[in-house]
């Protein structure tokens, strides 16, 4: 039930934000439990400015992986720094929005509206 609820919430986020940010994608025939709902901000947006604007409206956000995996200590030799340009870029542009099975539609609407204002 909780996974289905998270999937409904993710679908609402997708519909509300798909034209403003890059939303998560799930391959056909697979299922996501949406432990997080992470979006990619447009290139012109400052993640810290967006986070600050959302925080000012009482919307919590999280950056779960501020450093790409290949730059973490355990992987420092694999591959050479700078060789994973997409990972480097995305690590500075991703942002996770509130996500849990009990997120109300009103709260979700508040999150999406606040994010749109922050991006304007």
PDB file of N, CA and C in Angstrom:
ATOM      1  N   UNK A   1       0.822  -1.198   0.000  1.00  0.00           N
ATOM      2  CA  UNK A   1       0.000   0.000   0.000  1.00  0.00           C
ATOM      3  C   UNK A   1       0.870   1.267   0.000  1.00  0.00           C
ATOM      4  N   UNK A   2       1.947   1.227   0.803  1.00  0.00           N
ATOM      5  CA  UNK A   2       2.813   2.411   0.864  1.00  0.00           C
ATOM      6  C   UNK A   2       3.533   2.649  -0.459  1.00  0.00           C
ATOM      7  N   UNK A   3       3.986   1.587  -1.102  1.00  0.00           N
ATOM      8  CA  UNK A   3       4.653   1.755  -2.398  1.00  0.00           C
ATOM      9  C   UNK A   3       3.670   2.327  -3.417  1.00  0.00           C
ATOM     10  N   UNK A   4       2.452   1.810  -3.438  1.00  0.00           N
ATOM     11  CA  UNK A   4       1.443   2.352  -4.365  1.00  0.00           C
ATOM     12  C   UNK A   4       1.157   3.820  -4.053  1.00  0.00           C
ATOM     13  N   UNK A   5       1.100   4.170  -2.779  1.00  0.00           N
ATOM     14  CA  UNK A   5       0.869   5.571  -2.409  1.00  0.00           C
ATOM     15  C   UNK A   5       2.022   6.446  -2.890  1.00  0.00           C
ATOM     16  N   UNK A   6       3.252   5.984  -2.725  1.00  0.00           N
ATOM     17  CA  UNK A   6       4.413   6.740  -3.198  1.00  0.00           C
ATOM     18  C   UNK A   6       4.373   6.896  -4.718  1.00  0.00           C
ATOM     19  N   UNK A   7       3.947   5.865  -5.408  1.00  0.00           N
ATOM     20  CA  UNK A   7       3.856   5.940  -6.861  1.00  0.00           C
ATOM     21  C   UNK A   7       2.798   6.952  -7.297  1.00  0.00           C
ATOM     22  N   UNK A   8       1.683   7.019  -6.588  1.00  0.00           N
ATOM     23  CA  UNK A   8       0.654   8.033  -6.899  1.00  0.00           C
ATOM     24  C   UNK A   8       1.213   9.433  -6.662  1.00  0.00           C
ATOM     25  N   UNK A   9       1.925   9.599  -5.567  1.00  0.00           N
ATOM     26  CA  UNK A   9       2.507  10.909  -5.257  1.00  0.00           C
ATOM     27  C   UNK A   9       3.538  11.282  -6.317  1.00  0.00           C
ATOM     28  N   UNK A  10       4.377  10.331  -6.713  1.00  0.00           N
ATOM     29  CA  UNK A  10       5.369  10.591  -7.761  1.00  0.00           C
ATOM     30  C   UNK A  10       4.687  10.979  -9.065  1.00  0.00           C
ATOM     31  N   UNK A  11       3.603  10.310  -9.407  1.00  0.00           N
ATOM     32  CA  UNK A  11       2.877  10.642 -10.634  1.00  0.00           C
ATOM     33  C   UNK A  11       2.322  12.071 -10.569  1.00  0.00           C
ATOM     34  N   UNK A  12       1.846  12.474  -9.402  1.00  0.00           N
ATOM     35  CA  UNK A  12       1.348  13.855  -9.246  1.00  0.00           C
ATOM     36  C   UNK A  12       2.497  14.851  -9.386  1.00  0.00           C
ATOM     37  N   UNK A  13       3.648  14.547  -8.759  1.00  0.00           N
ATOM     38  CA  UNK A  13       4.821  15.411  -8.928  1.00  0.00           C
ATOM     39  C   UNK A  13       5.191  15.493 -10.414  1.00  0.00           C
ATOM     40  N   UNK A  14       5.240  14.343 -11.087  1.00  0.00           N
ATOM     41  CA  UNK A  14       5.590  14.330 -12.516  1.00  0.00           C
ATOM     42  C   UNK A  14       4.682  15.261 -13.308  1.00  0.00           C
ATOM     43  N   UNK A  15       3.379  15.143 -13.086  1.00  0.00           N
ATOM     44  CA  UNK A  15       2.404  15.954 -13.821  1.00  0.00           C
ATOM     45  C   UNK A  15       2.547  17.439 -13.498  1.00  0.00           C
ATOM     46  N   UNK A  16       2.815  17.750 -12.253  1.00  0.00           N
ATOM     47  CA  UNK A  16       2.878  19.148 -11.823  1.00  0.00           C
ATOM     48  C   UNK A  16       4.206  19.823 -12.166  1.00  0.00           C
ATOM     49  N   UNK A  17       5.274  19.037 -12.309  1.00  0.00           N
ATOM     50  CA  UNK A  17       6.604  19.636 -12.450  1.00  0.00           C
ATOM     51  C   UNK A  17       7.341  19.266 -13.730  1.00  0.00           C
ATOM     52  N   UNK A  18       6.777  18.360 -14.505  1.00  0.00           N
ATOM     53  CA  UNK A  18       7.486  17.836 -15.670  1.00  0.00           C
ATOM     54  C   UNK A  18       7.918  18.868 -16.686  1.00  0.00           C
ATOM     55  N   UNK A  19       7.260  20.017 -16.707  1.00  0.00           N
ATOM     56  CA  UNK A  19       7.662  21.067 -17.649  1.00  0.00           C
ATOM     57  C   UNK A  19       8.622  22.076 -17.023  1.00  0.00           C
ATOM     58  N   UNK A  20       8.929  21.916 -15.728  1.00  0.00           N
ATOM     59  CA  UNK A  20       9.791  22.879 -15.035  1.00  0.00           C
ATOM     60  C   UNK A  20      11.147  22.290 -14.653  1.00  0.00           C
ATOM     61  N   UNK A  21      11.178  21.002 -14.353  1.00  0.00           N
ATOM     62  CA  UNK A  21      12.402  20.303 -13.944  1.00  0.00           C
ATOM     63  C   UNK A  21      12.412  18.934 -14.610  1.00  0.00           C
ATOM     64  N   UNK A  22      13.564  18.303 -14.619  1.00  0.00           N
ATOM     65  CA  UNK A  22      13.631  16.915 -15.088  1.00  0.00           C
ATOM     66  C   UNK A  22      13.214  16.023 -13.924  1.00  0.00           C
ATOM     67  N   UNK A  23      12.185  15.229 -14.149  1.00  0.00           N
ATOM     68  CA  UNK A  23      11.652  14.355 -13.108  1.00  0.00           C
ATOM     69  C   UNK A  23      12.232  12.955 -13.264  1.00  0.00           C
ATOM     70  N   UNK A  24      12.141  12.138 -12.218  1.00  0.00           N
ATOM     71  CA  UNK A  24      12.680  10.779 -12.312  1.00  0.00           C
ATOM     72  C   UNK A  24      11.970   9.970 -13.385  1.00  0.00           C
ATOM     73  N   UNK A  25      12.693   9.057 -13.977  1.00  0.00           N
ATOM     74  CA  UNK A  25      12.069   8.159 -14.949  1.00  0.00           C
ATOM     75  C   UNK A  25      12.254   6.726 -14.478  1.00  0.00           C
ATOM     76  N   UNK A  26      11.278   5.923 -14.812  1.00  0.00           N
ATOM     77  CA  UNK A  26      11.298   4.509 -14.450  1.00  0.00           C
ATOM     78  C   UNK A  26      11.192   3.713 -15.739  1.00  0.00           C
ATOM     79  N   UNK A  27      12.084   2.766 -15.920  1.00  0.00           N
ATOM     80  CA  UNK A  27      12.076   1.966 -17.138  1.00  0.00           C
ATOM     81  C   UNK A  27      10.802   1.144 -17.247  1.00  0.00           C
ATOM     82  N   UNK A  28      10.312   0.952 -18.448  1.00  0.00           N
ATOM     83  CA  UNK A  28       9.119   0.121 -18.635  1.00  0.00           C
ATOM     84  C   UNK A  28       9.333  -1.268 -18.013  1.00  0.00           C
ATOM     85  N   UNK A  29       8.301  -1.761 -17.375  1.00  0.00           N
ATOM     86  CA  UNK A  29       8.372  -3.079 -16.761  1.00  0.00           C
ATOM     87  C   UNK A  29       9.033  -3.107 -15.405  1.00  0.00           C
ATOM     88  N   UNK A  30       9.422  -1.933 -14.895  1.00  0.00           N
ATOM     89  CA  UNK A  30      10.044  -1.869 -13.573  1.00  0.00           C
ATOM     90  C   UNK A  30       9.197  -1.010 -12.644  1.00  0.00           C
ATOM     91  N   UNK A  31       9.511  -1.074 -11.370  1.00  0.00           N
ATOM     92  CA  UNK A  31       8.779  -0.323 -10.358  1.00  0.00           C
ATOM     93  C   UNK A  31       9.771   0.416  -9.477  1.00  0.00           C
ATOM     94  N   UNK A  32       9.444   1.625  -9.121  1.00  0.00           N
ATOM     95  CA  UNK A  32      10.250   2.369  -8.153  1.00  0.00           C
ATOM     96  C   UNK A  32       9.483   2.456  -6.844  1.00  0.00           C
ATOM     97  N   UNK A  33      10.198   2.341  -5.751  1.00  0.00           N
ATOM     98  CA  UNK A  33       9.580   2.536  -4.441  1.00  0.00           C
ATOM     99  C   UNK A  33       9.640   4.010  -4.033  1.00  0.00           C
ATOM    100  N   UNK A  34      10.324   4.821  -4.830  1.00  0.00           N
ATOM    101  CA  UNK A  34      10.446   6.257  -4.578  1.00  0.00           C
ATOM    102  C   UNK A  34      10.870   6.536  -3.141  1.00  0.00           C
ATOM    103  N   UNK A  35      11.989   5.938  -2.758  1.00  0.00           N
ATOM    104  CA  UNK A  35      12.569   6.255  -1.457  1.00  0.00           C
ATOM    105  C   UNK A  35      12.871   7.748  -1.391  1.00  0.00           C
ATOM    106  N   UNK A  36      13.237   8.319  -2.528  1.00  0.00           N
ATOM    107  CA  UNK A  36      13.391   9.758  -2.679  1.00  0.00           C
ATOM    108  C   UNK A  36      12.698  10.159  -3.978  1.00  0.00           C
ATOM    109  N   UNK A  37      12.372  11.427  -4.062  1.00  0.00           N
ATOM    110  CA  UNK A  37      11.887  11.975  -5.326  1.00  0.00           C
ATOM    111  C   UNK A  37      12.855  13.097  -5.667  1.00  0.00           C
ATOM    112  N   UNK A  38      13.773  12.792  -6.568  1.00  0.00           N
ATOM    113  CA  UNK A  38      14.851  13.710  -6.900  1.00  0.00           C
ATOM    114  C   UNK A  38      14.648  14.272  -8.285  1.00  0.00           C
ATOM    115  N   UNK A  39      14.701  15.593  -8.372  1.00  0.00           N
ATOM    116  CA  UNK A  39      14.553  16.290  -9.644  1.00  0.00           C
ATOM    117  C   UNK A  39      15.887  16.906 -10.039  1.00  0.00           C
ATOM    118  N   UNK A  40      16.013  17.205 -11.325  1.00  0.00           N
ATOM    119  CA  UNK A  40      17.184  17.921 -11.833  1.00  0.00           C
ATOM    120  C   UNK A  40      16.722  19.325 -12.176  1.00  0.00           C
ATOM    121  N   UNK A  41      17.327  20.292 -11.525  1.00  0.00           N
ATOM    122  CA  UNK A  41      16.966  21.691 -11.763  1.00  0.00           C
ATOM    123  C   UNK A  41      17.481  22.152 -13.120  1.00  0.00           C
ATOM    124  N   UNK A  42      16.811  23.124 -13.725  1.00  0.00           N
ATOM    125  CA  UNK A  42      17.301  23.671 -14.998  1.00  0.00           C
ATOM    126  C   UNK A  42      18.702  24.250 -14.814  1.00  0.00           C
ATOM    127  N   UNK A  43      19.458  24.248 -15.883  1.00  0.00           N
ATOM    128  CA  UNK A  43      20.841  24.694 -15.824  1.00  0.00           C
ATOM    129  C   UNK A  43      21.054  26.086 -15.271  1.00  0.00           C
ATOM    130  N   UNK A  44      20.110  26.992 -15.483  1.00  0.00           N
ATOM    131  CA  UNK A  44      20.268  28.373 -15.019  1.00  0.00           C
ATOM    132  C   UNK A  44      19.938  28.536 -13.532  1.00  0.00           C
ATOM    133  N   UNK A  45      19.324  27.536 -12.938  1.00  0.00           N
ATOM    134  CA  UNK A  45      18.888  27.652 -11.539  1.00  0.00           C
ATOM    135  C   UNK A  45      20.041  27.353 -10.582  1.00  0.00           C
ATOM    136  N   UNK A  46      20.162  28.145  -9.547  1.00  0.00           N
ATOM    137  CA  UNK A  46      21.115  27.891  -8.481  1.00  0.00           C
ATOM    138  C   UNK A  46      20.449  26.981  -7.450  1.00  0.00           C
ATOM    139  N   UNK A  47      21.010  25.797  -7.255  1.00  0.00           N
ATOM    140  CA  UNK A  47      20.395  24.875  -6.308  1.00  0.00           C
ATOM    141  C   UNK A  47      20.294  25.494  -4.920  1.00  0.00           C
ATOM    142  N   UNK A  48      21.324  26.167  -4.467  1.00  0.00           N
ATOM    143  CA  UNK A  48      21.285  26.749  -3.122  1.00  0.00           C
ATOM    144  C   UNK A  48      20.235  27.849  -3.018  1.00  0.00           C
ATOM    145  N   UNK A  49      20.063  28.636  -4.075  1.00  0.00           N
ATOM    146  CA  UNK A  49      19.026  29.670  -4.064  1.00  0.00           C
ATOM    147  C   UNK A  49      17.634  29.034  -4.050  1.00  0.00           C
ATOM    148  N   UNK A  50      17.449  27.972  -4.819  1.00  0.00           N
ATOM    149  CA  UNK A  50      16.162  27.273  -4.836  1.00  0.00           C
ATOM    150  C   UNK A  50      15.892  26.661  -3.467  1.00  0.00           C
ATOM    151  N   UNK A  51      16.893  26.022  -2.881  1.00  0.00           N
ATOM    152  CA  UNK A  51      16.718  25.427  -1.551  1.00  0.00           C
ATOM    153  C   UNK A  51      16.362  26.491  -0.521  1.00  0.00           C
ATOM    154  N   UNK A  52      17.024  27.630  -0.588  1.00  0.00           N
ATOM    155  CA  UNK A  52      16.754  28.712   0.362  1.00  0.00           C
ATOM    156  C   UNK A  52      15.331  29.237   0.188  1.00  0.00           C
ATOM    157  N   UNK A  53      14.897  29.402  -1.048  1.00  0.00           N
ATOM    158  CA  UNK A  53      13.541  29.889  -1.299  1.00  0.00           C
ATOM    159  C   UNK A  53      12.509  28.888  -0.786  1.00  0.00           C
ATOM    160  N   UNK A  54      12.748  27.609  -1.008  1.00  0.00           N
ATOM    161  CA  UNK A  54      11.825  26.589  -0.516  1.00  0.00           C
ATOM    162  C   UNK A  54      11.824  26.552   1.011  1.00  0.00           C
ATOM    163  N   UNK A  55      12.986  26.645   1.623  1.00  0.00           N
ATOM    164  CA  UNK A  55      13.070  26.646   3.085  1.00  0.00           C
ATOM    165  C   UNK A  55      12.315  27.836   3.670  1.00  0.00           C
ATOM    166  N   UNK A  56      12.402  28.982   3.000  1.00  0.00           N
ATOM    167  CA  UNK A  56      11.695  30.171   3.470  1.00  0.00           C
ATOM    168  C   UNK A  56      10.185  29.971   3.464  1.00  0.00           C
ATOM    169  N   UNK A  57       9.712  29.048   2.620  1.00  0.00           N
ATOM    170  CA  UNK A  57       8.281  28.738   2.568  1.00  0.00           C
ATOM    171  C   UNK A  57       7.948  27.481   3.380  1.00  0.00           C
ATOM    172  N   UNK A  58       8.919  27.010   4.141  1.00  0.00           N
ATOM    173  CA  UNK A  58       8.673  25.852   4.999  1.00  0.00           C
ATOM    174  C   UNK A  58       8.705  24.517   4.282  1.00  0.00           C
ATOM    175  N   UNK A  59       9.335  24.478   3.115  1.00  0.00           N
ATOM    176  CA  UNK A  59       9.426  23.230   2.343  1.00  0.00           C
ATOM    177  C   UNK A  59      10.832  22.658   2.512  1.00  0.00           C
ATOM    178  N   UNK A  60      10.932  21.498   3.167  1.00  0.00           N
ATOM    179  CA  UNK A  60      12.255  20.898   3.336  1.00  0.00           C
ATOM    180  C   UNK A  60      12.732  20.241   2.040  1.00  0.00           C
ATOM    181  N   UNK A  61      14.016  20.285   1.810  1.00  0.00           N
ATOM    182  CA  UNK A  61      14.636  19.613   0.670  1.00  0.00           C
ATOM    183  C   UNK A  61      15.864  18.883   1.177  1.00  0.00           C
ATOM    184  N   UNK A  62      16.405  18.035   0.335  1.00  0.00           N
ATOM    185  CA  UNK A  62      17.601  17.299   0.716  1.00  0.00           C
ATOM    186  C   UNK A  62      18.458  17.085  -0.523  1.00  0.00           C
ATOM    187  N   UNK A  63      19.758  17.099  -0.317  1.00  0.00           N
ATOM    188  CA  UNK A  63      20.716  16.704  -1.342  1.00  0.00           C
ATOM    189  C   UNK A  63      21.403  15.472  -0.771  1.00  0.00           C
ATOM    190  N   UNK A  64      21.014  14.314  -1.256  1.00  0.00           N
ATOM    191  CA  UNK A  64      21.514  13.069  -0.687  1.00  0.00           C
ATOM    192  C   UNK A  64      22.942  12.757  -1.096  1.00  0.00           C
ATOM    193  N   UNK A  65      23.318  13.122  -2.285  1.00  0.00           N
ATOM    194  CA  UNK A  65      24.652  12.793  -2.774  1.00  0.00           C
ATOM    195  C   UNK A  65      25.305  14.042  -3.368  1.00  0.00           C
ATOM    196  N   UNK A  66      25.803  14.939  -2.508  1.00  0.00           N
ATOM    197  CA  UNK A  66      26.390  16.178  -3.022  1.00  0.00           C
ATOM    198  C   UNK A  66      27.697  15.948  -3.780  1.00  0.00           C
ATOM    199  N   UNK A  67      28.313  14.817  -3.532  1.00  0.00           N
ATOM    200  CA  UNK A  67      29.555  14.477  -4.215  1.00  0.00           C
ATOM    201  C   UNK A  67      29.301  13.200  -5.019  1.00  0.00           C
ATOM    202  N   UNK A  68      29.618  13.210  -6.318  1.00  0.00           N
ATOM    203  CA  UNK A  68      29.388  12.005  -7.104  1.00  0.00           C
ATOM    204  C   UNK A  68      30.196  10.823  -6.554  1.00  0.00           C
ATOM    205  N   UNK A  69      29.689   9.636  -6.771  1.00  0.00           N
ATOM    206  CA  UNK A  69      30.294   8.427  -6.226  1.00  0.00           C
ATOM    207  C   UNK A  69      31.771   8.316  -6.577  1.00  0.00           C
ATOM    208  N   UNK A  70      32.125   8.626  -7.806  1.00  0.00           N
ATOM    209  CA  UNK A  70      33.521   8.459  -8.231  1.00  0.00           C
ATOM    210  C   UNK A  70      34.471   9.441  -7.554  1.00  0.00           C
ATOM    211  N   UNK A  71      33.943  10.451  -6.861  1.00  0.00           N
ATOM    212  CA  UNK A  71      34.799  11.391  -6.128  1.00  0.00           C
ATOM    213  C   UNK A  71      34.859  11.074  -4.640  1.00  0.00           C
ATOM    214  N   UNK A  72      34.179  10.035  -4.201  1.00  0.00           N
ATOM    215  CA  UNK A  72      34.219   9.649  -2.803  1.00  0.00           C
ATOM    216  C   UNK A  72      35.468   8.811  -2.533  1.00  0.00           C
ATOM    217  N   UNK A  73      35.906   8.834  -1.305  1.00  0.00           N
ATOM    218  CA  UNK A  73      37.179   8.230  -0.920  1.00  0.00           C
ATOM    219  C   UNK A  73      37.341   6.790  -1.401  1.00  0.00           C
ATOM    220  N   UNK A  74      36.332   5.977  -1.229  1.00  0.00           N
ATOM    221  CA  UNK A  74      36.463   4.561  -1.586  1.00  0.00           C
ATOM    222  C   UNK A  74      36.707   4.346  -3.078  1.00  0.00           C
ATOM    223  N   UNK A  75      36.332   5.310  -3.896  1.00  0.00           N
ATOM    224  CA  UNK A  75      36.454   5.165  -5.344  1.00  0.00           C
ATOM    225  C   UNK A  75      37.437   6.160  -5.947  1.00  0.00           C
ATOM    226  N   UNK A  76      38.309   6.709  -5.158  1.00  0.00           N
ATOM    227  CA  UNK A  76      39.166   7.797  -5.638  1.00  0.00           C
ATOM    228  C   UNK A  76      40.035   7.432  -6.840  1.00  0.00           C
ATOM    229  N   UNK A  77      40.294   6.143  -7.050  1.00  0.00           N
ATOM    230  CA  UNK A  77      41.122   5.742  -8.190  1.00  0.00           C
ATOM    231  C   UNK A  77      40.299   5.298  -9.396  1.00  0.00           C
ATOM    232  N   UNK A  78      38.981   5.268  -9.283  1.00  0.00           N
ATOM    233  CA  UNK A  78      38.130   4.750 -10.361  1.00  0.00           C
ATOM    234  C   UNK A  78      37.009   5.717 -10.688  1.00  0.00           C
ATOM    235  N   UNK A  79      36.902   6.278 -11.782  1.00  0.00           N
ATOM    236  CA  UNK A  79      37.939   6.523 -12.774  1.00  0.00           C
ATOM    237  C   UNK A  79      38.708   7.784 -12.407  1.00  0.00           C
ATOM    238  N   UNK A  80      39.508   8.243 -13.305  1.00  0.00           N
ATOM    239  CA  UNK A  80      40.276   9.463 -13.065  1.00  0.00           C
ATOM    240  C   UNK A  80      39.327  10.645 -12.914  1.00  0.00           C
ATOM    241  N   UNK A  81      39.606  11.561 -11.983  1.00  0.00           N
ATOM    242  CA  UNK A  81      38.741  12.745 -11.812  1.00  0.00           C
ATOM    243  C   UNK A  81      38.546  13.481 -13.133  1.00  0.00           C
ATOM    244  N   UNK A  82      37.321  13.960 -13.328  1.00  0.00           N
ATOM    245  CA  UNK A  82      37.005  14.719 -14.523  1.00  0.00           C
ATOM    246  C   UNK A  82      36.525  13.887 -15.691  1.00  0.00           C
ATOM    247  N   UNK A  83      36.560  12.552 -15.559  1.00  0.00           N
ATOM    248  CA  UNK A  83      36.182  11.722 -16.697  1.00  0.00           C
ATOM    249  C   UNK A  83      34.695  11.389 -16.730  1.00  0.00           C
ATOM    250  N   UNK A  84      33.956  11.783 -15.714  1.00  0.00           N
ATOM    251  CA  UNK A  84      32.517  11.523 -15.683  1.00  0.00           C
ATOM    252  C   UNK A  84      31.777  12.863 -15.617  1.00  0.00           C
ATOM    253  N   UNK A  85      31.803  13.573 -16.720  1.00  0.00           N
ATOM    254  CA  UNK A  85      31.283  14.939 -16.780  1.00  0.00           C
ATOM    255  C   UNK A  85      29.801  15.023 -16.434  1.00  0.00           C
ATOM    256  N   UNK A  86      28.998  14.059 -16.872  1.00  0.00           N
ATOM    257  CA  UNK A  86      27.565  14.108 -16.589  1.00  0.00           C
ATOM    258  C   UNK A  86      27.329  13.963 -15.086  1.00  0.00           C
ATOM    259  N   UNK A  87      28.014  13.022 -14.456  1.00  0.00           N
ATOM    260  CA  UNK A  87      27.896  12.860 -12.999  1.00  0.00           C
ATOM    261  C   UNK A  87      28.326  14.124 -12.273  1.00  0.00           C
ATOM    262  N   UNK A  88      29.399  14.721 -12.724  1.00  0.00           N
ATOM    263  CA  UNK A  88      29.890  15.958 -12.107  1.00  0.00           C
ATOM    264  C   UNK A  88      28.834  17.053 -12.206  1.00  0.00           C
ATOM    265  N   UNK A  89      28.244  17.208 -13.370  1.00  0.00           N
ATOM    266  CA  UNK A  89      27.243  18.251 -13.584  1.00  0.00           C
ATOM    267  C   UNK A  89      25.991  17.994 -12.761  1.00  0.00           C
ATOM    268  N   UNK A  90      25.474  16.783 -12.843  1.00  0.00           N
ATOM    269  CA  UNK A  90      24.230  16.476 -12.144  1.00  0.00           C
ATOM    270  C   UNK A  90      24.375  16.560 -10.629  1.00  0.00           C
ATOM    271  N   UNK A  91      25.533  16.256 -10.103  1.00  0.00           N
ATOM    272  CA  UNK A  91      25.702  16.308  -8.648  1.00  0.00           C
ATOM    273  C   UNK A  91      25.464  17.712  -8.099  1.00  0.00           C
ATOM    274  N   UNK A  92      25.593  18.715  -8.921  1.00  0.00           N
ATOM    275  CA  UNK A  92      25.340  20.081  -8.496  1.00  0.00           C
ATOM    276  C   UNK A  92      23.958  20.602  -8.838  1.00  0.00           C
ATOM    277  N   UNK A  93      23.153  19.784  -9.534  1.00  0.00           N
ATOM    278  CA  UNK A  93      21.845  20.258  -9.997  1.00  0.00           C
ATOM    279  C   UNK A  93      20.664  19.450  -9.467  1.00  0.00           C
ATOM    280  N   UNK A  94      20.919  18.397  -8.703  1.00  0.00           N
ATOM    281  CA  UNK A  94      19.808  17.579  -8.213  1.00  0.00           C
ATOM    282  C   UNK A  94      19.337  18.037  -6.841  1.00  0.00           C
ATOM    283  N   UNK A  95      18.060  17.800  -6.602  1.00  0.00           N
ATOM    284  CA  UNK A  95      17.423  18.220  -5.359  1.00  0.00           C
ATOM    285  C   UNK A  95      16.277  17.257  -5.070  1.00  0.00           C
ATOM    286  N   UNK A  96      16.192  16.763  -3.833  1.00  0.00           N
ATOM    287  CA  UNK A  96      15.114  15.848  -3.470  1.00  0.00           C
ATOM    288  C   UNK A  96      14.021  16.594  -2.730  1.00  0.00           C
ATOM    289  N   UNK A  97      12.799  16.335  -3.157  1.00  0.00           N
ATOM    290  CA  UNK A  97      11.612  16.958  -2.574  1.00  0.00           C
ATOM    291  C   UNK A  97      11.006  16.036  -1.525  1.00  0.00           C
ATOM    292  N   UNK A  98      10.138  16.578  -0.670  1.00  0.00           N
ATOM    293  CA  UNK A  98       9.477  15.722   0.317  1.00  0.00           C
ATOM    294  C   UNK A  98       8.771  14.547  -0.369  1.00  0.00           C
ATOM    295  N   UNK A  99       8.990  13.367   0.184  1.00  0.00           N
ATOM    296  CA  UNK A  99       8.367  12.166  -0.378  1.00  0.00           C
ATOM    297  C   UNK A  99       8.140  11.160   0.738  1.00  0.00           C
ATOM    298  N   UNK A 100       6.892  10.832   0.944  1.00  0.00           N
ATOM    299  CA  UNK A 100       6.517   9.736   1.832  1.00  0.00           C
ATOM    300  C   UNK A 100       5.080   9.349   1.499  1.00  0.00           C
ATOM    301  N   UNK A 101       4.703   8.184   1.931  1.00  0.00           N
ATOM    302  CA  UNK A 101       3.404   7.629   1.549  1.00  0.00           C
ATOM    303  C   UNK A 101       2.220   8.416   2.091  1.00  0.00           C
ATOM    304  N   UNK A 102       2.456   9.292   3.054  1.00  0.00           N
ATOM    305  CA  UNK A 102       1.357  10.016   3.694  1.00  0.00           C
ATOM    306  C   UNK A 102       1.351  11.499   3.343  1.00  0.00           C
ATOM    307  N   UNK A 103       2.055  11.867   2.290  1.00  0.00           N
ATOM    308  CA  UNK A 103       2.092  13.259   1.834  1.00  0.00           C
ATOM    309  C   UNK A 103       0.723  13.613   1.244  1.00  0.00           C
ATOM    310  N   UNK A 104       0.071  14.579   1.853  1.00  0.00           N
ATOM    311  CA  UNK A 104      -1.273  14.952   1.384  1.00  0.00           C
ATOM    312  C   UNK A 104      -1.188  15.709   0.059  1.00  0.00           C
ATOM    313  N   UNK A 105      -2.298  15.713  -0.665  1.00  0.00           N
ATOM    314  CA  UNK A 105      -2.340  16.465  -1.916  1.00  0.00           C
ATOM    315  C   UNK A 105      -2.140  17.950  -1.659  1.00  0.00           C
ATOM    316  N   UNK A 106      -2.691  18.472  -0.566  1.00  0.00           N
ATOM    317  CA  UNK A 106      -2.504  19.892  -0.238  1.00  0.00           C
ATOM    318  C   UNK A 106      -1.032  20.192   0.009  1.00  0.00           C
ATOM    319  N   UNK A 107      -0.357  19.330   0.766  1.00  0.00           N
ATOM    320  CA  UNK A 107       1.069  19.549   1.026  1.00  0.00           C
ATOM    321  C   UNK A 107       1.878  19.424  -0.258  1.00  0.00           C
ATOM    322  N   UNK A 108       1.520  18.469  -1.084  1.00  0.00           N
ATOM    323  CA  UNK A 108       2.229  18.306  -2.344  1.00  0.00           C
ATOM    324  C   UNK A 108       2.010  19.518  -3.251  1.00  0.00           C
ATOM    325  N   UNK A 109       0.808  20.030  -3.283  1.00  0.00           N
ATOM    326  CA  UNK A 109       0.541  21.235  -4.066  1.00  0.00           C
ATOM    327  C   UNK A 109       1.354  22.421  -3.550  1.00  0.00           C
ATOM    328  N   UNK A 110       1.503  22.494  -2.232  1.00  0.00           N
ATOM    329  CA  UNK A 110       2.315  23.557  -1.640  1.00  0.00           C
ATOM    330  C   UNK A 110       3.782  23.429  -2.073  1.00  0.00           C
ATOM    331  N   UNK A 111       4.289  22.206  -2.097  1.00  0.00           N
ATOM    332  CA  UNK A 111       5.676  21.956  -2.524  1.00  0.00           C
ATOM    333  C   UNK A 111       5.856  22.355  -3.983  1.00  0.00           C
ATOM    334  N   UNK A 112       4.964  21.890  -4.843  1.00  0.00           N
ATOM    335  CA  UNK A 112       5.130  22.171  -6.272  1.00  0.00           C
ATOM    336  C   UNK A 112       4.972  23.665  -6.577  1.00  0.00           C
ATOM    337  N   UNK A 113       4.045  24.317  -5.920  1.00  0.00           N
ATOM    338  CA  UNK A 113       3.875  25.759  -6.122  1.00  0.00           C
ATOM    339  C   UNK A 113       5.109  26.531  -5.651  1.00  0.00           C
ATOM    340  N   UNK A 114       5.640  26.145  -4.513  1.00  0.00           N
ATOM    341  CA  UNK A 114       6.836  26.813  -3.980  1.00  0.00           C
ATOM    342  C   UNK A 114       8.037  26.599  -4.921  1.00  0.00           C
ATOM    343  N   UNK A 115       8.171  25.397  -5.461  1.00  0.00           N
ATOM    344  CA  UNK A 115       9.283  25.131  -6.360  1.00  0.00           C
ATOM    345  C   UNK A 115       9.128  25.965  -7.637  1.00  0.00           C
ATOM    346  N   UNK A 116       7.929  26.047  -8.168  1.00  0.00           N
ATOM    347  CA  UNK A 116       7.719  26.874  -9.366  1.00  0.00           C
ATOM    348  C   UNK A 116       8.068  28.341  -9.102  1.00  0.00           C
ATOM    349  N   UNK A 117       7.674  28.841  -7.919  1.00  0.00           N
ATOM    350  CA  UNK A 117       8.007  30.235  -7.578  1.00  0.00           C
ATOM    351  C   UNK A 117       9.523  30.396  -7.463  1.00  0.00           C
ATOM    352  N   UNK A 118      10.187  29.431  -6.869  1.00  0.00           N
ATOM    353  CA  UNK A 118      11.638  29.518  -6.686  1.00  0.00           C
ATOM    354  C   UNK A 118      12.377  29.505  -8.028  1.00  0.00           C
ATOM    355  N   UNK A 119      11.789  28.850  -9.009  1.00  0.00           N
ATOM    356  CA  UNK A 119      12.429  28.764 -10.322  1.00  0.00           C
ATOM    357  C   UNK A 119      12.101  29.956 -11.223  1.00  0.00           C
ATOM    358  N   UNK A 120      11.094  30.726 -10.842  1.00  0.00           N
ATOM    359  CA  UNK A 120      10.657  31.848 -11.698  1.00  0.00           C
ATOM    360  C   UNK A 120      11.676  32.984 -11.722  1.00  0.00           C
TER     361      UNK A 120
END
